[in-house]
Protein backbone atom coordinates (compact mmCIF):
# COMPACT_ATOMS: atom_id res chain seq x y z
CA MET A 1 25.07 -22.94 -27.74
CA PHE A 2 25.39 -19.38 -26.44
CA ILE A 3 28.36 -17.40 -27.74
CA ASP A 4 28.72 -13.83 -26.47
CA THR A 5 32.21 -12.85 -27.67
CA ALA A 6 33.94 -13.10 -31.04
CA LYS A 7 36.97 -11.73 -32.86
CA ILE A 8 36.79 -11.12 -36.61
CA PHE A 9 38.87 -9.51 -39.37
CA ILE A 10 37.22 -6.95 -41.65
CA LYS A 11 38.50 -5.25 -44.77
CA SER A 12 36.76 -2.84 -47.08
CA GLY A 13 37.23 -3.12 -50.83
CA ASN A 14 40.21 -1.55 -52.59
CA GLY A 15 39.48 1.25 -55.02
CA GLY A 16 39.82 0.42 -58.71
CA ASN A 17 42.81 1.79 -60.60
CA GLY A 18 42.45 4.67 -63.01
CA SER A 19 42.93 3.81 -66.68
CA VAL A 20 45.69 4.90 -69.03
CA SER A 21 44.00 5.03 -72.42
CA PHE A 22 44.07 7.11 -75.58
CA ARG A 23 41.28 7.61 -78.02
CA ARG A 24 42.12 5.95 -81.30
CA GLU A 25 39.42 6.12 -83.94
CA LYS A 26 39.41 6.45 -87.66
CA TYR A 27 39.12 10.07 -88.76
CA VAL A 28 39.93 11.31 -85.22
CA PRO A 29 43.66 12.12 -85.55
CA LEU A 30 44.12 13.88 -82.16
CA GLY A 31 41.75 11.92 -79.90
CA GLY A 32 43.85 12.45 -76.78
CA PRO A 33 43.66 10.63 -73.42
CA ASP A 34 40.36 9.07 -72.43
CA GLY A 35 41.16 6.82 -69.44
CA GLY A 36 38.29 6.68 -66.93
CA ASP A 37 38.39 6.61 -63.14
CA GLY A 38 38.31 3.44 -61.09
CA GLY A 39 35.30 2.56 -58.97
CA ASP A 40 35.21 3.00 -55.19
CA GLY A 41 35.64 -0.08 -53.01
CA GLY A 42 32.71 -1.45 -51.00
CA ASN A 43 32.21 -0.54 -47.33
CA VAL A 44 31.95 -3.00 -44.45
CA ILE A 45 28.74 -2.23 -42.56
CA LEU A 46 27.46 -3.79 -39.32
CA VAL A 47 23.68 -3.88 -38.88
CA THR A 48 21.55 -5.28 -36.04
CA ASP A 49 19.19 -8.17 -36.75
CA GLU A 50 16.33 -9.15 -34.46
CA ASN A 51 16.58 -12.80 -35.58
CA MET A 52 20.11 -13.19 -34.17
CA THR A 53 20.54 -13.92 -30.47
CA THR A 54 24.19 -15.04 -30.25
CA LEU A 55 27.54 -14.49 -31.97
CA LEU A 56 27.76 -18.17 -32.91
CA ASP A 57 28.02 -17.45 -36.65
CA PHE A 58 31.35 -15.71 -36.11
CA THR A 59 33.00 -18.85 -34.72
CA TYR A 60 32.78 -20.44 -38.19
CA LYS A 61 33.68 -17.42 -40.32
CA ARG A 62 36.18 -14.86 -39.09
CA LYS A 63 37.27 -13.01 -42.25
CA TYR A 64 34.99 -10.51 -44.00
CA VAL A 65 36.19 -8.66 -47.10
CA ALA A 66 34.06 -6.26 -49.16
CA GLU A 67 34.14 -6.18 -52.96
CA ALA A 68 36.85 -4.12 -54.67
CA GLY A 69 36.06 -1.38 -57.15
CA VAL A 70 36.54 -2.15 -60.84
CA GLY A 71 39.31 -0.37 -62.72
CA GLY A 72 38.50 2.39 -65.22
CA SER A 73 38.68 1.83 -68.96
CA GLY A 74 38.89 3.72 -72.22
CA SER A 75 36.29 6.09 -73.64
CA LYS A 76 36.21 7.78 -70.21
CA CYS A 77 34.36 4.79 -68.79
CA TYR A 78 34.28 4.71 -65.00
CA GLY A 79 34.75 1.45 -63.17
CA LYS A 80 31.87 -0.05 -61.18
CA ASP A 81 31.82 0.59 -57.44
CA GLY A 82 32.29 -2.46 -55.21
CA GLU A 83 29.23 -3.79 -53.38
CA ASP A 84 28.95 -2.94 -49.69
CA LEU A 85 29.28 -5.89 -47.32
CA TYR A 86 26.59 -6.04 -44.62
CA ILE A 87 27.37 -8.08 -41.51
CA LYS A 88 24.40 -8.90 -39.27
CA VAL A 89 24.87 -8.89 -35.48
CA PRO A 90 22.45 -9.27 -32.55
CA VAL A 91 20.91 -6.24 -30.90
CA GLY A 92 23.10 -5.32 -27.93
CA THR A 93 26.45 -5.92 -29.63
CA VAL A 94 29.37 -3.75 -28.54
CA VAL A 95 32.17 -3.41 -31.12
CA ARG A 96 35.75 -2.88 -29.93
CA ASP A 97 38.99 -2.30 -31.78
CA ALA A 98 41.02 -5.45 -31.11
CA GLU A 99 44.36 -3.63 -30.89
CA THR A 100 43.37 -0.95 -28.37
CA ASN A 101 40.26 -2.65 -26.87
CA LYS A 102 38.47 0.70 -27.13
CA ILE A 103 34.78 0.85 -28.01
CA ILE A 104 33.99 1.75 -31.62
CA VAL A 105 30.20 1.62 -31.36
CA ASP A 106 27.36 0.25 -29.24
CA LEU A 107 24.62 -1.30 -31.41
CA SER A 108 21.83 -1.31 -28.85
CA HIS A 109 18.76 -0.68 -31.01
CA LEU A 110 17.02 -2.63 -33.75
CA GLY A 111 18.05 -1.27 -37.15
CA ASP A 112 21.28 0.33 -35.88
CA LYS A 113 24.02 0.21 -38.47
CA VAL A 114 27.51 1.61 -38.74
CA VAL A 115 30.18 1.79 -41.43
CA LEU A 116 33.15 0.16 -39.74
CA SER A 117 35.51 0.18 -42.69
CA LYS A 118 35.21 2.61 -45.62
CA GLY A 119 36.05 1.42 -49.10
CA GLY A 120 39.08 2.80 -50.88
CA ARG A 121 38.52 5.65 -53.33
CA GLY A 122 38.90 4.82 -57.00
CA GLY A 123 41.97 6.20 -58.78
CA LYS A 124 41.77 8.91 -61.41
CA GLY A 125 42.23 8.04 -65.06
CA ASN A 126 44.83 9.75 -67.22
CA VAL A 127 42.22 12.09 -68.67
CA LYS A 128 42.18 13.86 -65.26
CA PHE A 129 45.90 14.68 -65.51
CA CYS A 130 45.67 16.68 -68.73
CA THR A 131 47.05 20.22 -68.57
CA PRO A 132 47.87 22.75 -71.31
CA THR A 133 51.50 21.67 -71.11
CA ARG A 134 50.88 17.95 -70.48
CA GLN A 135 48.36 16.99 -73.11
CA ALA A 136 49.00 13.24 -73.27
CA PRO A 137 49.72 11.93 -69.77
CA SER A 138 50.80 8.30 -69.83
CA PHE A 139 50.06 7.65 -66.18
CA ALA A 140 47.00 7.30 -63.97
CA GLU A 141 46.27 7.15 -60.28
CA PRO A 142 45.98 3.78 -58.50
CA GLY A 143 42.97 3.05 -56.32
CA MET A 144 43.23 3.68 -52.60
CA PRO A 145 43.53 0.53 -50.47
CA GLY A 146 40.60 -0.45 -48.28
CA GLU A 147 40.71 -0.12 -44.50
CA GLU A 148 41.30 -3.26 -42.50
CA ARG A 149 41.31 -4.14 -38.82
CA TRP A 150 40.56 -6.86 -36.31
CA ILE A 151 37.53 -6.16 -34.13
CA ASN A 152 36.11 -7.76 -31.00
CA LEU A 153 32.36 -8.27 -30.72
CA GLU A 154 30.72 -8.45 -27.30
CA LEU A 155 27.07 -9.28 -26.81
CA LYS A 156 25.47 -7.58 -23.81
CA LEU A 157 21.94 -8.88 -23.47
CA LEU A 158 19.06 -6.44 -23.61
CA ALA A 159 16.89 -7.27 -20.60
CA ASP A 160 14.81 -5.03 -18.37
CA VAL A 161 15.37 -7.12 -15.24
CA GLY A 162 18.41 -9.20 -14.32
CA LEU A 163 18.27 -12.05 -11.82
CA ILE A 164 21.41 -12.18 -9.69
CA GLY A 165 22.49 -14.30 -6.77
CA PHE A 166 24.62 -17.28 -5.83
CA PRO A 167 24.27 -20.52 -7.80
CA ASN A 168 21.43 -22.81 -6.73
CA VAL A 169 19.32 -20.11 -5.04
CA GLY A 170 16.43 -20.59 -7.50
CA LYS A 171 17.01 -18.00 -10.24
CA SER A 172 16.34 -20.43 -13.08
CA THR A 173 13.28 -21.82 -11.32
CA LEU A 174 11.91 -18.30 -10.87
CA LEU A 175 12.46 -17.48 -14.55
CA SER A 176 10.77 -20.72 -15.62
CA VAL A 177 7.58 -20.06 -13.60
CA VAL A 178 7.13 -16.41 -14.63
CA SER A 179 7.89 -16.85 -18.35
CA LYS A 180 7.97 -19.45 -21.10
CA ALA A 181 11.74 -19.79 -20.84
CA LYS A 182 12.95 -23.35 -20.27
CA PRO A 183 16.32 -23.12 -18.52
CA LYS A 184 18.03 -26.27 -17.30
CA ILE A 185 17.26 -26.73 -13.60
CA ALA A 186 19.07 -29.09 -11.24
CA ASN A 187 20.22 -29.17 -7.64
CA TYR A 188 23.91 -28.45 -8.15
CA HIS A 189 26.11 -25.44 -8.70
CA PHE A 190 26.58 -23.91 -12.16
CA THR A 191 23.57 -25.65 -13.66
CA THR A 192 23.11 -22.49 -15.72
CA ILE A 193 26.11 -21.94 -17.99
CA LYS A 194 24.53 -19.44 -20.38
CA PRO A 195 22.22 -16.46 -19.82
CA ASN A 196 18.53 -17.23 -20.32
CA LEU A 197 15.93 -14.69 -21.38
CA GLY A 198 12.20 -14.80 -20.78
CA VAL A 199 9.27 -12.42 -21.33
CA VAL A 200 7.24 -11.85 -18.18
CA SER A 201 3.52 -11.29 -18.76
CA LEU A 202 1.01 -10.90 -15.95
CA PRO A 203 -2.54 -9.47 -16.08
CA GLY A 204 -2.57 -5.85 -15.04
CA ILE A 205 1.13 -5.12 -15.58
CA GLN A 206 3.27 -4.05 -18.52
CA GLY A 207 5.29 -7.02 -19.80
CA PHE A 208 9.09 -6.96 -19.50
CA VAL A 209 12.14 -9.06 -20.35
CA MET A 210 13.90 -10.92 -17.56
CA ALA A 211 17.38 -12.48 -17.77
CA ASP A 212 18.85 -15.18 -15.55
CA ILE A 213 22.54 -14.22 -15.20
CA PRO A 214 24.61 -17.30 -14.28
CA GLY A 215 27.88 -17.92 -12.56
CA ILE A 216 28.28 -14.92 -10.23
CA ILE A 217 30.11 -16.03 -7.08
CA GLU A 218 32.62 -14.54 -4.69
CA GLY A 219 35.65 -13.46 -6.74
CA ALA A 220 33.71 -13.29 -10.03
CA ALA A 221 34.93 -9.76 -10.79
CA GLU A 222 38.51 -11.08 -10.66
CA GLY A 223 37.73 -14.02 -12.95
CA VAL A 224 36.73 -16.75 -10.49
CA GLY A 225 34.21 -19.24 -11.88
CA LEU A 226 32.01 -18.15 -14.77
CA GLY A 227 31.00 -14.75 -13.41
CA ILE A 228 33.44 -12.52 -15.29
CA GLN A 229 31.99 -13.85 -18.57
CA PHE A 230 28.45 -12.80 -17.68
CA LEU A 231 28.72 -9.70 -15.50
CA ARG A 232 28.69 -7.69 -18.75
CA HIS A 233 25.08 -8.72 -19.35
CA ILE A 234 23.90 -6.95 -16.18
CA GLU A 235 25.11 -3.63 -17.62
CA ARG A 236 22.03 -3.50 -19.89
CA THR A 237 19.45 -4.16 -17.18
CA ARG A 238 17.45 -1.36 -15.60
CA LEU A 239 16.51 -3.27 -12.47
CA LEU A 240 18.03 -6.17 -10.53
CA ILE A 241 16.17 -8.86 -8.62
CA HIS A 242 18.58 -10.25 -6.05
CA VAL A 243 17.56 -13.82 -5.26
CA VAL A 244 18.67 -15.14 -1.87
CA ASP A 245 18.17 -18.61 -0.36
CA ILE A 246 16.40 -17.65 2.87
CA SER A 247 16.25 -21.29 4.03
CA GLY A 248 20.03 -21.59 4.26
CA SER A 249 19.81 -24.99 2.56
CA GLU A 250 23.37 -24.60 1.26
CA GLY A 251 24.69 -23.97 4.75
CA ARG A 252 25.36 -20.28 4.03
CA ASP A 253 24.15 -17.13 5.74
CA PRO A 254 21.63 -15.18 3.55
CA ILE A 255 22.95 -11.77 4.63
CA ASP A 256 26.52 -12.83 3.92
CA ASP A 257 25.50 -14.11 0.47
CA PHE A 258 23.70 -10.85 -0.26
CA ASN A 259 26.71 -8.72 0.67
CA LYS A 260 29.18 -10.85 -1.27
CA ILE A 261 27.21 -10.62 -4.53
CA ASN A 262 26.83 -6.86 -4.17
CA GLU A 263 30.54 -6.54 -3.52
CA GLU A 264 31.24 -8.33 -6.84
CA LEU A 265 28.95 -5.85 -8.62
CA ARG A 266 30.80 -2.95 -7.01
CA LYS A 267 34.20 -4.33 -8.00
CA TYR A 268 33.12 -4.88 -11.60
CA ASP A 269 31.38 -1.53 -12.06
CA VAL A 270 30.17 0.80 -9.34
CA LYS A 271 27.19 1.75 -11.54
CA LEU A 272 25.88 -1.82 -11.18
CA TRP A 273 26.16 -1.55 -7.41
CA ASP A 274 23.97 1.57 -7.56
CA ARG A 275 21.35 -0.06 -9.79
CA PRO A 276 17.87 -0.41 -8.18
CA GLN A 277 17.45 -3.80 -6.49
CA ILE A 278 14.47 -5.81 -5.33
CA VAL A 279 15.34 -8.61 -2.93
CA ALA A 280 13.60 -11.97 -3.35
CA ALA A 281 13.95 -14.16 -0.26
CA ASN A 282 13.42 -17.48 -2.03
CA LYS A 283 12.80 -21.05 -0.79
CA SER A 284 10.52 -19.76 1.94
CA ASP A 285 8.57 -23.05 1.71
CA MET A 286 11.67 -24.73 3.19
CA CYS A 287 12.00 -22.19 6.00
CA PHE A 288 9.78 -23.03 8.98
CA ASP A 289 10.93 -20.28 11.34
CA GLU A 290 9.08 -17.05 10.53
CA GLU A 291 11.61 -15.00 12.47
CA VAL A 292 14.35 -15.90 9.97
CA PHE A 293 12.67 -13.87 7.22
CA GLU A 294 11.68 -11.02 9.54
CA ASN A 295 15.24 -10.67 10.83
CA PHE A 296 16.57 -10.83 7.25
CA LYS A 297 14.11 -8.14 6.11
CA THR A 298 14.91 -5.89 9.07
CA LYS A 299 18.65 -6.03 8.41
CA LEU A 300 18.18 -5.24 4.70
CA ASN A 301 15.84 -2.37 5.51
CA GLU A 302 18.53 -0.95 7.76
CA MET A 303 20.99 -1.25 4.84
CA GLY A 304 18.63 0.80 2.66
CA TYR A 305 16.86 -1.98 0.74
CA LYS A 306 13.15 -1.32 1.22
CA HIS A 307 11.67 -3.84 -1.21
CA VAL A 308 12.16 -7.32 0.24
CA PHE A 309 9.74 -10.08 -0.78
CA LYS A 310 9.24 -13.50 0.77
CA ILE A 311 8.72 -15.92 -2.11
CA SER A 312 8.86 -19.54 -3.14
CA ALA A 313 9.57 -19.97 -6.84
CA ALA A 314 8.69 -23.67 -6.59
CA THR A 315 5.16 -22.99 -5.26
CA ARG A 316 4.73 -19.45 -6.76
CA GLN A 317 4.04 -18.06 -3.26
CA GLY A 318 4.60 -14.29 -3.31
CA VAL A 319 5.88 -14.31 -6.91
CA ASP A 320 3.04 -12.18 -8.32
CA ASN A 321 3.64 -9.43 -5.78
CA LEU A 322 7.36 -9.49 -6.66
CA LEU A 323 6.59 -9.10 -10.39
CA LYS A 324 4.10 -6.28 -9.79
CA GLU A 325 6.71 -4.33 -7.84
CA ALA A 326 9.26 -4.93 -10.60
CA ALA A 327 6.82 -3.64 -13.22
CA ARG A 328 6.00 -0.60 -11.05
CA GLN A 329 9.66 0.33 -10.69
CA LEU A 330 10.39 -0.23 -14.39
CA SER A 331 7.67 2.28 -15.29
CA HIS A 332 9.80 4.98 -13.62
CA ILE A 333 13.27 3.86 -14.78
CA PRO A 334 14.24 5.18 -18.22
CA ILE A 335 15.83 2.98 -20.86
CA PHE A 336 19.46 3.98 -21.22
CA ASP A 337 22.25 3.22 -23.65
CA LEU A 338 25.66 2.01 -22.64
CA VAL A 339 27.68 4.95 -21.32
CA ILE A 340 31.01 5.21 -23.15
CA SER A 341 33.61 7.45 -21.55
CA GLU A 342 36.11 9.44 -23.59
CA GLU A 343 38.87 7.09 -22.42
CA GLU A 344 36.95 4.05 -23.66
CA LYS A 345 35.94 5.52 -27.01
CA PHE A 346 37.88 4.55 -30.12
CA VAL A 347 39.03 7.47 -32.28
CA PRO A 348 40.09 6.36 -35.77
CA GLN A 349 43.38 7.67 -37.05
CA GLU A 350 43.24 9.87 -40.12
CA LYS A 351 44.55 7.88 -43.07
CA ARG A 352 47.82 9.32 -44.31
CA PHE A 353 50.41 8.20 -46.83
CA THR A 354 53.66 8.49 -44.95
CA TYR A 355 57.32 8.04 -45.70
CA ASN A 356 60.64 7.96 -43.90
CA ILE A 357 64.19 8.45 -45.13
CA ARG A 358 67.26 6.53 -44.04
CA GLN A 359 70.81 6.61 -45.31
CA GLU A 360 73.19 3.81 -46.26
CA GLY A 361 76.50 5.38 -47.31
CA ASN A 362 75.72 7.78 -50.14
CA VAL A 363 72.38 6.09 -50.88
CA TYR A 364 69.25 7.73 -49.47
CA ILE A 365 66.38 5.25 -49.13
CA VAL A 366 62.82 6.61 -49.14
CA GLU A 367 60.22 4.06 -47.98
CA GLY A 368 56.66 3.88 -46.71
CA SER A 369 53.09 3.80 -47.99
CA PHE A 370 53.62 7.09 -49.87
CA VAL A 371 56.38 5.48 -51.94
CA ASP A 372 54.26 2.45 -52.82
CA ARG A 373 51.38 4.61 -53.98
CA LEU A 374 53.56 7.00 -55.98
CA LEU A 375 55.38 4.26 -57.85
CA ASP A 376 52.06 2.59 -58.67
CA SER A 377 50.83 5.78 -60.30
CA VAL A 378 53.69 6.53 -62.68
CA ASN A 379 55.57 4.94 -65.52
CA VAL A 380 59.21 5.69 -64.69
CA ASN A 381 60.26 4.75 -68.24
CA ASP A 382 58.19 7.53 -69.75
CA PRO A 383 59.83 11.02 -69.68
CA GLU A 384 56.57 12.90 -69.11
CA SER A 385 55.48 10.51 -66.38
CA LEU A 386 58.92 10.83 -64.77
CA MET A 387 58.52 14.62 -64.70
CA TYR A 388 55.26 14.16 -62.82
CA PHE A 389 57.07 11.78 -60.42
CA HIS A 390 59.70 14.41 -59.55
CA LYS A 391 57.03 17.09 -59.19
CA VAL A 392 55.19 15.00 -56.60
CA LEU A 393 58.43 14.40 -54.67
CA ARG A 394 59.05 18.13 -54.53
CA ASN A 395 55.45 19.04 -53.64
CA LYS A 396 55.33 16.49 -50.80
CA GLY A 397 58.55 17.84 -49.29
CA VAL A 398 60.71 14.79 -50.01
CA ILE A 399 63.29 16.78 -51.98
CA ASP A 400 63.54 19.44 -49.26
CA GLU A 401 64.03 16.79 -46.58
CA LEU A 402 66.75 15.08 -48.61
CA ILE A 403 68.58 18.41 -48.92
CA ALA A 404 68.19 19.02 -45.19
CA ARG A 405 69.79 15.63 -44.55
CA GLY A 406 72.84 16.70 -46.56
CA ILE A 407 72.35 14.92 -49.88
CA GLN A 408 74.83 15.95 -52.55
CA ASP A 409 74.81 15.95 -56.34
CA ASN A 410 75.23 12.46 -57.81
CA ASP A 411 74.18 10.75 -54.57
CA MET A 412 71.68 7.97 -55.19
CA VAL A 413 68.02 8.00 -54.13
CA ARG A 414 66.23 4.64 -53.89
CA LEU A 415 62.50 4.06 -53.78
CA LYS A 416 61.86 0.31 -53.57
CA ASN A 417 63.51 -1.10 -56.72
CA PHE A 418 63.80 2.27 -58.52
CA GLU A 419 66.96 4.37 -58.21
CA PHE A 420 67.99 7.74 -59.62
CA GLU A 421 70.87 10.19 -59.26
CA PHE A 422 70.09 13.30 -57.27
CA LEU A 423 70.74 16.63 -59.03
CA LEU A 424 69.95 19.99 -57.51
């Protein structure tokens, strides 16, 4: 089974909470706070693996969560960092943010790896909050939450040469005779329902990888047939071999077929339309009128296609010359990575703890991720911790914004399930 798209959920590990602890030992009367920091959460890392050829594994497992950091403890002991989670993907995998569909990274080389989701930072223990005036803080900082998102994985095959053309023109047969690939071959449309790869090796030429791209027909760029699923694989190829049935055995005109396929490439991506092409006029063993090929070649030459070969994949006639020309052209065409425009590129948002204020009568409600984190870090029943709580509210501008909204003395302020009277 060939799977070339997948959607998965990833989440890095949460940071461990800082510890609230006080040193209590015999003969140490004023030990003071000794709560250690929490450990950092594990990252989620994607890495390419040469042993993977499809995204099949991701159809069975869709949720990937890295290990959380361990909380701090007494004696200034730091919590253990969470283990990073490595996810293996095939070479040629493009990673997109599922929400925006923008490209996060293109993993096109063996050994490529990227941190997709950074682990949350561990919280500080109460020993870090000591000051000359606050010598026994009874609060600590909670760990930061890990990052989470849904991502789309797309596999774009890494092949030097892509075989394109209408169904049943002999692409699979050609691949089978020039490599050890064993594609399914039969005399009906859409025999090939997954891309096939083969390594072409011929004495006197540099070997290269060839891919049989299935399902490209008229309307493929708009989603007709199977073509829209596989046009993405041509983006990786450096050279295209356009296979045409010169015999007209399907009752179609070879020139018309050629133009229609190229039009689908242009509609999908104009860069594919500009890609170098060699034309393989296949099934010549079934064409008994020599003028048919000569007329076909003349018309293509007039259209700017200078490399037109008369071949028969079934008998191997002319195939070696076709491969030698492909190898010659590849020696001059550089290997290139997927070009990602600024519009397509995903830019991660800076992580911020935010809040918003709304009013219900004389009650001002403060809510948001900032509130959750602040309440996790303090003990509102402890006077010293409560002083720290109010200091943070003032430093973060919450108090000033409440005043700007017209709050008065003795009005209530609510943060989740905690309420207090406002006093200027």
